[in-house]
Amino acid sequence: MFNASPFRLKMFQQCPRQYKFHYIDDLSKIYAKPRPYFTMGDHIHAALKDFLSIVPVEERTVARLENLLREKWRRYRKGFEDLDDEKRWGERALDQVRWFAQNQDLSVTPIMVEDYHKAELSPKITLVGKIDRVDKDAEGGLHIIDYKTGKMPEETDRTQLYIYALILSKKQELPIAKVSYLYLKAGEFETLWPTTADLEQAADYVVSMVDRILAETKYPAIINSYCGTCDFLEICPRKDEIPGLAVDEEELDF
């Protein structure tokens, strides 16, 4: 059974060689490096999870969410160049949770928060994904929300949201009403209303990608905009072609 997650499929589409290093050769345990944006994102997600699932509604304040973030931050502090760099990322995280507490409906009680989900797509494919949050909307349908702590892209990649919708459509009796990215840095929602055709197209995409992955034998390295942050850059067969490829970590979509 092939476990197909949005992250896994996107990695292969982006660079088959990176996929090989990560999923087949299992080299992440050797080459993976802590990244400040991943550390920040993980702490923000953890703070929002507790804020909406543990903290009573009457205690949900800006200060309480800030303190939750600081509490999560103390778990680990990896990937920063120095204390000044950590402070810069910490302030950025605080700005994002402050915006959330000041602008979102804090009385909401999500029906799912940071849960892992699995659903069989075919006899050989299982869909897997960790969904940040699922609310019930006013009409009784499900609203899937994925938090983003990086930049808001010019063009939305709908694949991740539609795969999440596909997973829940196979597990829940309630209809999937809408799916959203919530960009905490920009302070904006980007919402889609998936149709049956959209979910069918997502299923076809997953099947097509899994077929490509299973048929791949050469795993070519493809130069792309994320090469500068790839954990495997030092062992990439094309690394000499991208020595000057700089990536602004402030602008990454994560």
C-alpha atoms as a PDB file:
ATOM      1  CA  MET A   1       0.000   0.000   0.000  1.00  0.00           C
ATOM      2  CA  PHE A   2       1.378   3.391  -1.022  1.00  0.00           C
ATOM      3  CA  ASN A   3       0.806   6.192   1.508  1.00  0.00           C
ATOM      4  CA  ALA A   4       0.156   9.303  -0.551  1.00  0.00           C
ATOM      5  CA  SER A   5       0.391  12.630   1.266  1.00  0.00           C
ATOM      6  CA  PRO A   6       0.320  16.080  -0.360  1.00  0.00           C
ATOM      7  CA  PHE A   7       3.878  16.685   0.877  1.00  0.00           C
ATOM      8  CA  ARG A   8       5.185  13.439  -0.582  1.00  0.00           C
ATOM      9  CA  LEU A   9       3.569  13.934  -3.979  1.00  0.00           C
ATOM     10  CA  LYS A  10       4.705  17.552  -4.188  1.00  0.00           C
ATOM     11  CA  MET A  11       8.296  16.603  -3.385  1.00  0.00           C
ATOM     12  CA  PHE A  12       8.381  14.087  -6.217  1.00  0.00           C
ATOM     13  CA  GLN A  13       6.832  16.528  -8.655  1.00  0.00           C
ATOM     14  CA  GLN A  14       9.314  19.203  -7.598  1.00  0.00           C
ATOM     15  CA  CYS A  15      12.428  17.017  -7.691  1.00  0.00           C
ATOM     16  CA  PRO A  16      12.484  13.224  -8.064  1.00  0.00           C
ATOM     17  CA  ARG A  17      16.084  13.076  -6.798  1.00  0.00           C
ATOM     18  CA  GLN A  18      15.139  14.844  -3.571  1.00  0.00           C
ATOM     19  CA  TYR A  19      12.282  12.351  -3.255  1.00  0.00           C
ATOM     20  CA  LYS A  20      14.717   9.450  -3.666  1.00  0.00           C
ATOM     21  CA  PHE A  21      17.092  10.836  -1.056  1.00  0.00           C
ATOM     22  CA  HIS A  22      14.250  11.367   1.393  1.00  0.00           C
ATOM     23  CA  TYR A  23      11.843   8.448   0.916  1.00  0.00           C
ATOM     24  CA  ILE A  24      13.931   5.689  -0.652  1.00  0.00           C
ATOM     25  CA  ASP A  25      17.486   6.204   0.608  1.00  0.00           C
ATOM     26  CA  ASP A  26      16.279   7.505   4.007  1.00  0.00           C
ATOM     27  CA  LEU A  27      19.025  10.119   4.131  1.00  0.00           C
ATOM     28  CA  SER A  28      17.092  12.774   6.042  1.00  0.00           C
ATOM     29  CA  LYS A  29      18.414  11.425   9.339  1.00  0.00           C
ATOM     30  CA  ILE A  30      21.911  12.292   8.081  1.00  0.00           C
ATOM     31  CA  TYR A  31      21.367  15.474   6.089  1.00  0.00           C
ATOM     32  CA  ALA A  32      18.245  17.129   7.522  1.00  0.00           C
ATOM     33  CA  LYS A  33      18.954  20.537   8.975  1.00  0.00           C
ATOM     34  CA  PRO A  34      16.838  22.575  11.383  1.00  0.00           C
ATOM     35  CA  ARG A  35      15.257  25.555   9.677  1.00  0.00           C
ATOM     36  CA  PRO A  36      14.030  28.664  11.509  1.00  0.00           C
ATOM     37  CA  TYR A  37      10.800  28.859   9.512  1.00  0.00           C
ATOM     38  CA  PHE A  38       9.929  25.249  10.335  1.00  0.00           C
ATOM     39  CA  THR A  39      10.661  25.823  14.028  1.00  0.00           C
ATOM     40  CA  MET A  40       8.506  28.952  14.043  1.00  0.00           C
ATOM     41  CA  GLY A  41       5.700  27.275  12.134  1.00  0.00           C
ATOM     42  CA  ASP A  42       5.662  24.254  14.402  1.00  0.00           C
ATOM     43  CA  HIS A  43       5.391  26.408  17.525  1.00  0.00           C
ATOM     44  CA  ILE A  44       2.603  28.548  16.054  1.00  0.00           C
ATOM     45  CA  HIS A  45       0.611  25.452  15.074  1.00  0.00           C
ATOM     46  CA  ALA A  46       1.086  23.927  18.532  1.00  0.00           C
ATOM     47  CA  ALA A  47       0.000  27.132  20.268  1.00  0.00           C
ATOM     48  CA  LEU A  48      -3.127  27.497  18.122  1.00  0.00           C
ATOM     49  CA  LYS A  49      -4.011  23.854  18.692  1.00  0.00           C
ATOM     50  CA  ASP A  50      -4.033  24.248  22.475  1.00  0.00           C
ATOM     51  CA  PHE A  51      -5.681  27.662  22.270  1.00  0.00           C
ATOM     52  CA  LEU A  52      -8.722  26.307  20.402  1.00  0.00           C
ATOM     53  CA  SER A  53      -8.940  22.842  21.958  1.00  0.00           C
ATOM     54  CA  ILE A  54      -7.897  23.268  25.608  1.00  0.00           C
ATOM     55  CA  VAL A  55      -8.282  26.902  26.660  1.00  0.00           C
ATOM     56  CA  PRO A  56     -11.871  27.747  27.733  1.00  0.00           C
ATOM     57  CA  VAL A  57     -13.585  30.300  25.496  1.00  0.00           C
ATOM     58  CA  GLU A  58     -13.789  32.902  28.270  1.00  0.00           C
ATOM     59  CA  GLU A  59      -9.997  32.719  28.741  1.00  0.00           C
ATOM     60  CA  ARG A  60      -9.056  33.113  25.064  1.00  0.00           C
ATOM     61  CA  THR A  61      -7.200  36.412  24.990  1.00  0.00           C
ATOM     62  CA  VAL A  62      -4.239  37.827  23.120  1.00  0.00           C
ATOM     63  CA  ALA A  63      -2.087  37.487  26.223  1.00  0.00           C
ATOM     64  CA  ARG A  64      -3.064  33.844  26.732  1.00  0.00           C
ATOM     65  CA  LEU A  65      -2.155  32.964  23.147  1.00  0.00           C
ATOM     66  CA  GLU A  66       1.141  34.843  23.403  1.00  0.00           C
ATOM     67  CA  ASN A  67       2.011  32.899  26.548  1.00  0.00           C
ATOM     68  CA  LEU A  68       1.106  29.628  24.861  1.00  0.00           C
ATOM     69  CA  LEU A  69       3.467  30.481  22.019  1.00  0.00           C
ATOM     70  CA  ARG A  70       6.281  31.264  24.471  1.00  0.00           C
ATOM     71  CA  GLU A  71       5.604  27.988  26.262  1.00  0.00           C
ATOM     72  CA  LYS A  72       5.806  26.018  23.013  1.00  0.00           C
ATOM     73  CA  TRP A  73       8.913  27.932  21.953  1.00  0.00           C
ATOM     74  CA  ARG A  74      10.813  26.692  24.996  1.00  0.00           C
ATOM     75  CA  ARG A  75      10.439  23.081  23.810  1.00  0.00           C
ATOM     76  CA  TYR A  76      13.222  23.553  21.281  1.00  0.00           C
ATOM     77  CA  ARG A  77      14.989  26.501  19.702  1.00  0.00           C
ATOM     78  CA  LYS A  78      16.743  25.135  16.642  1.00  0.00           C
ATOM     79  CA  GLY A  79      17.757  26.529  13.284  1.00  0.00           C
ATOM     80  CA  PHE A  80      18.541  30.094  14.319  1.00  0.00           C
ATOM     81  CA  GLU A  81      21.864  31.752  13.516  1.00  0.00           C
ATOM     82  CA  ASP A  82      22.120  33.440  16.919  1.00  0.00           C
ATOM     83  CA  LEU A  83      19.980  35.008  19.624  1.00  0.00           C
ATOM     84  CA  ASP A  84      19.229  38.073  17.502  1.00  0.00           C
ATOM     85  CA  ASP A  85      18.013  35.842  14.684  1.00  0.00           C
ATOM     86  CA  GLU A  86      15.855  33.860  17.097  1.00  0.00           C
ATOM     87  CA  LYS A  87      14.389  37.107  18.456  1.00  0.00           C
ATOM     88  CA  ARG A  88      13.521  38.230  14.928  1.00  0.00           C
ATOM     89  CA  TRP A  89      11.666  34.992  14.180  1.00  0.00           C
ATOM     90  CA  GLY A  90      10.046  35.062  17.624  1.00  0.00           C
ATOM     91  CA  GLU A  91       8.661  38.552  17.036  1.00  0.00           C
ATOM     92  CA  ARG A  92       7.342  37.446  13.684  1.00  0.00           C
ATOM     93  CA  ALA A  93       5.564  34.528  15.368  1.00  0.00           C
ATOM     94  CA  LEU A  94       4.093  36.816  18.018  1.00  0.00           C
ATOM     95  CA  ASP A  95       2.780  39.168  15.324  1.00  0.00           C
ATOM     96  CA  GLN A  96       0.977  36.263  13.670  1.00  0.00           C
ATOM     97  CA  VAL A  97      -0.692  34.910  16.803  1.00  0.00           C
ATOM     98  CA  ARG A  98      -1.647  38.430  17.903  1.00  0.00           C
ATOM     99  CA  TRP A  99      -3.375  38.985  14.578  1.00  0.00           C
ATOM    100  CA  PHE A 100      -5.204  35.683  15.002  1.00  0.00           C
ATOM    101  CA  ALA A 101      -6.414  36.517  18.519  1.00  0.00           C
ATOM    102  CA  GLN A 102      -7.470  40.025  17.537  1.00  0.00           C
ATOM    103  CA  ASN A 103      -9.250  39.196  14.279  1.00  0.00           C
ATOM    104  CA  GLN A 104     -10.674  35.670  14.474  1.00  0.00           C
ATOM    105  CA  ASP A 105     -13.801  34.369  16.168  1.00  0.00           C
ATOM    106  CA  LEU A 106     -12.367  32.978  19.397  1.00  0.00           C
ATOM    107  CA  SER A 107     -15.643  31.379  20.448  1.00  0.00           C
ATOM    108  CA  VAL A 108     -15.420  28.744  17.737  1.00  0.00           C
ATOM    109  CA  THR A 109     -15.025  25.122  18.798  1.00  0.00           C
ATOM    110  CA  PRO A 110     -13.393  23.140  15.973  1.00  0.00           C
ATOM    111  CA  ILE A 111     -14.564  19.561  15.570  1.00  0.00           C
ATOM    112  CA  MET A 112     -11.011  18.485  14.698  1.00  0.00           C
ATOM    113  CA  VAL A 113      -7.649  20.087  15.480  1.00  0.00           C
ATOM    114  CA  GLU A 114      -4.234  18.915  14.227  1.00  0.00           C
ATOM    115  CA  ASP A 115      -5.437  15.370  13.526  1.00  0.00           C
ATOM    116  CA  TYR A 116      -3.829  12.760  11.279  1.00  0.00           C
ATOM    117  CA  HIS A 117      -6.230  11.183   8.814  1.00  0.00           C
ATOM    118  CA  LYS A 118      -6.115   8.181   6.495  1.00  0.00           C
ATOM    119  CA  ALA A 119      -8.536   7.041   3.801  1.00  0.00           C
ATOM    120  CA  GLU A 120      -8.272   4.342   1.184  1.00  0.00           C
ATOM    121  CA  LEU A 121      -8.363   5.720  -2.351  1.00  0.00           C
ATOM    122  CA  SER A 122      -7.782   2.419  -4.146  1.00  0.00           C
ATOM    123  CA  PRO A 123      -6.575  -1.092  -3.294  1.00  0.00           C
ATOM    124  CA  LYS A 124      -2.992   0.170  -3.631  1.00  0.00           C
ATOM    125  CA  ILE A 125      -3.205   3.794  -2.415  1.00  0.00           C
ATOM    126  CA  THR A 126      -3.954   5.236   1.011  1.00  0.00           C
ATOM    127  CA  LEU A 127      -4.394   8.989   1.332  1.00  0.00           C
ATOM    128  CA  VAL A 128      -2.741  10.438   4.421  1.00  0.00           C
ATOM    129  CA  GLY A 129      -2.557  13.946   5.817  1.00  0.00           C
ATOM    130  CA  LYS A 130      -2.420  16.039   8.965  1.00  0.00           C
ATOM    131  CA  ILE A 131      -5.234  18.577   8.886  1.00  0.00           C
ATOM    132  CA  ASP A 132      -4.733  21.677  11.020  1.00  0.00           C
ATOM    133  CA  ARG A 133      -8.374  22.378  11.756  1.00  0.00           C
ATOM    134  CA  VAL A 134     -11.917  21.468  10.743  1.00  0.00           C
ATOM    135  CA  ASP A 135     -14.926  23.607  11.697  1.00  0.00           C
ATOM    136  CA  LYS A 136     -18.621  23.056  11.104  1.00  0.00           C
ATOM    137  CA  ASP A 137     -20.034  25.962   9.132  1.00  0.00           C
ATOM    138  CA  ALA A 138     -23.398  27.648   9.624  1.00  0.00           C
ATOM    139  CA  GLU A 139     -25.082  25.304   7.142  1.00  0.00           C
ATOM    140  CA  GLY A 140     -23.717  22.175   8.802  1.00  0.00           C
ATOM    141  CA  GLY A 141     -20.951  21.404   6.314  1.00  0.00           C
ATOM    142  CA  LEU A 142     -17.272  20.992   7.063  1.00  0.00           C
ATOM    143  CA  HIS A 143     -14.750  23.795   6.673  1.00  0.00           C
ATOM    144  CA  ILE A 144     -11.152  22.574   6.375  1.00  0.00           C
ATOM    145  CA  ILE A 145      -8.559  25.160   7.408  1.00  0.00           C
ATOM    146  CA  ASP A 146      -4.816  24.925   6.830  1.00  0.00           C
ATOM    147  CA  TYR A 147      -2.611  27.494   8.572  1.00  0.00           C
ATOM    148  CA  LYS A 148       0.221  29.050   6.586  1.00  0.00           C
ATOM    149  CA  THR A 149       2.947  31.004   8.364  1.00  0.00           C
ATOM    150  CA  GLY A 150       4.884  32.006   5.254  1.00  0.00           C
ATOM    151  CA  LYS A 151       4.095  34.313   2.379  1.00  0.00           C
ATOM    152  CA  MET A 152       0.811  34.390   0.521  1.00  0.00           C
ATOM    153  CA  PRO A 153       1.616  33.163  -3.005  1.00  0.00           C
ATOM    154  CA  GLU A 154       0.479  34.909  -6.154  1.00  0.00           C
ATOM    155  CA  GLU A 155      -1.204  31.714  -7.324  1.00  0.00           C
ATOM    156  CA  THR A 156      -2.839  29.180  -5.012  1.00  0.00           C
ATOM    157  CA  ASP A 157      -1.810  25.522  -5.151  1.00  0.00           C
ATOM    158  CA  ARG A 158      -5.174  23.881  -4.545  1.00  0.00           C
ATOM    159  CA  THR A 159      -3.869  20.310  -4.478  1.00  0.00           C
ATOM    160  CA  GLN A 160      -3.210  20.057  -0.746  1.00  0.00           C
ATOM    161  CA  LEU A 161      -6.643  21.364   0.208  1.00  0.00           C
ATOM    162  CA  TYR A 162      -8.452  19.168  -2.291  1.00  0.00           C
ATOM    163  CA  ILE A 163      -6.605  16.063  -1.089  1.00  0.00           C
ATOM    164  CA  TYR A 164      -7.617  16.909   2.477  1.00  0.00           C
ATOM    165  CA  ALA A 165     -11.200  17.318   1.300  1.00  0.00           C
ATOM    166  CA  LEU A 166     -10.972  13.994  -0.508  1.00  0.00           C
ATOM    167  CA  ILE A 167      -9.747  12.270   2.660  1.00  0.00           C
ATOM    168  CA  LEU A 168     -12.543  13.634   4.835  1.00  0.00           C
ATOM    169  CA  SER A 169     -15.176  13.004   2.170  1.00  0.00           C
ATOM    170  CA  LYS A 170     -14.405   9.310   2.549  1.00  0.00           C
ATOM    171  CA  LYS A 171     -14.588   9.409   6.348  1.00  0.00           C
ATOM    172  CA  GLN A 172     -17.321  11.885   7.239  1.00  0.00           C
ATOM    173  CA  GLU A 173     -21.027  11.909   6.513  1.00  0.00           C
ATOM    174  CA  LEU A 174     -21.117  15.696   6.572  1.00  0.00           C
ATOM    175  CA  PRO A 175     -20.407  17.383   3.225  1.00  0.00           C
ATOM    176  CA  ILE A 176     -17.191  19.313   2.632  1.00  0.00           C
ATOM    177  CA  ALA A 177     -18.514  22.856   2.289  1.00  0.00           C
ATOM    178  CA  LYS A 178     -15.267  24.753   1.835  1.00  0.00           C
ATOM    179  CA  VAL A 179     -11.509  24.562   2.239  1.00  0.00           C
ATOM    180  CA  SER A 180      -9.215  27.413   3.190  1.00  0.00           C
ATOM    181  CA  TYR A 181      -5.645  28.465   3.605  1.00  0.00           C
ATOM    182  CA  LEU A 182      -5.331  30.952   6.456  1.00  0.00           C
ATOM    183  CA  TYR A 183      -2.236  33.052   5.824  1.00  0.00           C
ATOM    184  CA  LEU A 184      -1.283  34.337   9.254  1.00  0.00           C
ATOM    185  CA  LYS A 185       1.482  36.622   8.011  1.00  0.00           C
ATOM    186  CA  ALA A 186      -0.799  38.370   5.519  1.00  0.00           C
ATOM    187  CA  GLY A 187      -3.848  38.125   7.768  1.00  0.00           C
ATOM    188  CA  GLU A 188      -6.006  36.708   5.001  1.00  0.00           C
ATOM    189  CA  PHE A 189      -8.110  33.671   4.177  1.00  0.00           C
ATOM    190  CA  GLU A 190      -8.061  32.105   0.736  1.00  0.00           C
ATOM    191  CA  THR A 191     -11.156  29.931   0.432  1.00  0.00           C
ATOM    192  CA  LEU A 192     -12.321  27.432  -2.178  1.00  0.00           C
ATOM    193  CA  TRP A 193     -15.636  25.630  -2.515  1.00  0.00           C
ATOM    194  CA  PRO A 194     -14.772  22.145  -3.833  1.00  0.00           C
ATOM    195  CA  THR A 195     -17.170  20.410  -6.164  1.00  0.00           C
ATOM    196  CA  THR A 196     -17.534  16.710  -6.844  1.00  0.00           C
ATOM    197  CA  ALA A 197     -15.588  17.293 -10.042  1.00  0.00           C
ATOM    198  CA  ASP A 198     -12.763  18.928  -8.070  1.00  0.00           C
ATOM    199  CA  LEU A 199     -12.487  15.896  -5.787  1.00  0.00           C
ATOM    200  CA  GLU A 200     -12.557  13.531  -8.736  1.00  0.00           C
ATOM    201  CA  GLN A 201      -9.788  15.529 -10.357  1.00  0.00           C
ATOM    202  CA  ALA A 202      -7.770  15.393  -7.128  1.00  0.00           C
ATOM    203  CA  ALA A 203      -8.201  11.618  -7.004  1.00  0.00           C
ATOM    204  CA  ASP A 204      -7.031  11.329 -10.625  1.00  0.00           C
ATOM    205  CA  TYR A 205      -4.003  13.492  -9.790  1.00  0.00           C
ATOM    206  CA  VAL A 206      -3.040  11.248  -6.871  1.00  0.00           C
ATOM    207  CA  VAL A 207      -3.381   8.076  -8.933  1.00  0.00           C
ATOM    208  CA  SER A 208      -1.355   9.599 -11.785  1.00  0.00           C
ATOM    209  CA  MET A 209       1.410  10.779  -9.441  1.00  0.00           C
ATOM    210  CA  VAL A 210       1.644   7.441  -7.645  1.00  0.00           C
ATOM    211  CA  ASP A 211       1.885   5.666 -10.987  1.00  0.00           C
ATOM    212  CA  ARG A 212       4.722   7.998 -11.978  1.00  0.00           C
ATOM    213  CA  ILE A 213       6.533   7.438  -8.700  1.00  0.00           C
ATOM    214  CA  LEU A 214       6.261   3.667  -8.902  1.00  0.00           C
ATOM    215  CA  ALA A 215       7.456   3.673 -12.507  1.00  0.00           C
ATOM    216  CA  GLU A 216      10.423   6.008 -11.913  1.00  0.00           C
ATOM    217  CA  THR A 217      13.898   4.464 -12.168  1.00  0.00           C
ATOM    218  CA  LYS A 218      16.285   7.380 -12.810  1.00  0.00           C
ATOM    219  CA  TYR A 219      15.068  10.026 -10.336  1.00  0.00           C
ATOM    220  CA  PRO A 220      16.446  13.105 -12.122  1.00  0.00           C
ATOM    221  CA  ALA A 221      17.459  16.172 -10.153  1.00  0.00           C
ATOM    222  CA  ILE A 222      15.347  19.131 -11.219  1.00  0.00           C
ATOM    223  CA  ILE A 223      16.534  22.658 -10.500  1.00  0.00           C
ATOM    224  CA  ASN A 224      13.742  24.679  -8.876  1.00  0.00           C
ATOM    225  CA  SER A 225      13.174  27.663  -6.632  1.00  0.00           C
ATOM    226  CA  TYR A 226      13.578  25.578  -3.466  1.00  0.00           C
ATOM    227  CA  CYS A 227      17.039  24.158  -4.240  1.00  0.00           C
ATOM    228  CA  GLY A 228      18.677  26.673  -1.927  1.00  0.00           C
ATOM    229  CA  THR A 229      16.891  25.186   1.088  1.00  0.00           C
ATOM    230  CA  CYS A 230      17.155  21.518   0.110  1.00  0.00           C
ATOM    231  CA  ASP A 231      18.707  19.342   2.808  1.00  0.00           C
ATOM    232  CA  PHE A 232      20.437  17.283   0.139  1.00  0.00           C
ATOM    233  CA  LEU A 233      22.028  20.124  -1.828  1.00  0.00           C
ATOM    234  CA  GLU A 234      25.569  19.028  -0.931  1.00  0.00           C
ATOM    235  CA  ILE A 235      25.041  15.584  -2.485  1.00  0.00           C
ATOM    236  CA  CYS A 236      22.910  16.736  -5.416  1.00  0.00           C
ATOM    237  CA  PRO A 237      24.412  15.709  -8.783  1.00  0.00           C
ATOM    238  CA  ARG A 238      23.536  19.153 -10.165  1.00  0.00           C
ATOM    239  CA  LYS A 239      24.765  21.245  -7.242  1.00  0.00           C
ATOM    240  CA  ASP A 240      27.465  22.928  -9.354  1.00  0.00           C
ATOM    241  CA  GLU A 241      24.744  24.373 -11.563  1.00  0.00           C
ATOM    242  CA  ILE A 242      23.086  26.255  -8.722  1.00  0.00           C
ATOM    243  CA  PRO A 243      25.849  27.753  -6.520  1.00  0.00           C
ATOM    244  CA  GLY A 244      24.348  31.215  -6.738  1.00  0.00           C
ATOM    245  CA  LEU A 245      20.733  30.219  -6.202  1.00  0.00           C
ATOM    246  CA  ALA A 246      19.659  32.242  -3.180  1.00  0.00           C
ATOM    247  CA  VAL A 247      16.376  31.757  -1.375  1.00  0.00           C
ATOM    248  CA  ASP A 248      14.831  34.445   0.814  1.00  0.00           C
ATOM    249  CA  GLU A 249      13.563  32.459   3.790  1.00  0.00           C
ATOM    250  CA  GLU A 250      11.267  35.349   4.678  1.00  0.00           C
ATOM    251  CA  GLU A 251       9.343  34.753   1.459  1.00  0.00           C
ATOM    252  CA  LEU A 252       8.962  30.977   1.503  1.00  0.00           C
ATOM    253  CA  ASP A 253       5.476  29.519   1.320  1.00  0.00           C
ATOM    254  CA  PHE A 254       5.267  27.184   4.357  1.00  0.00           C
END
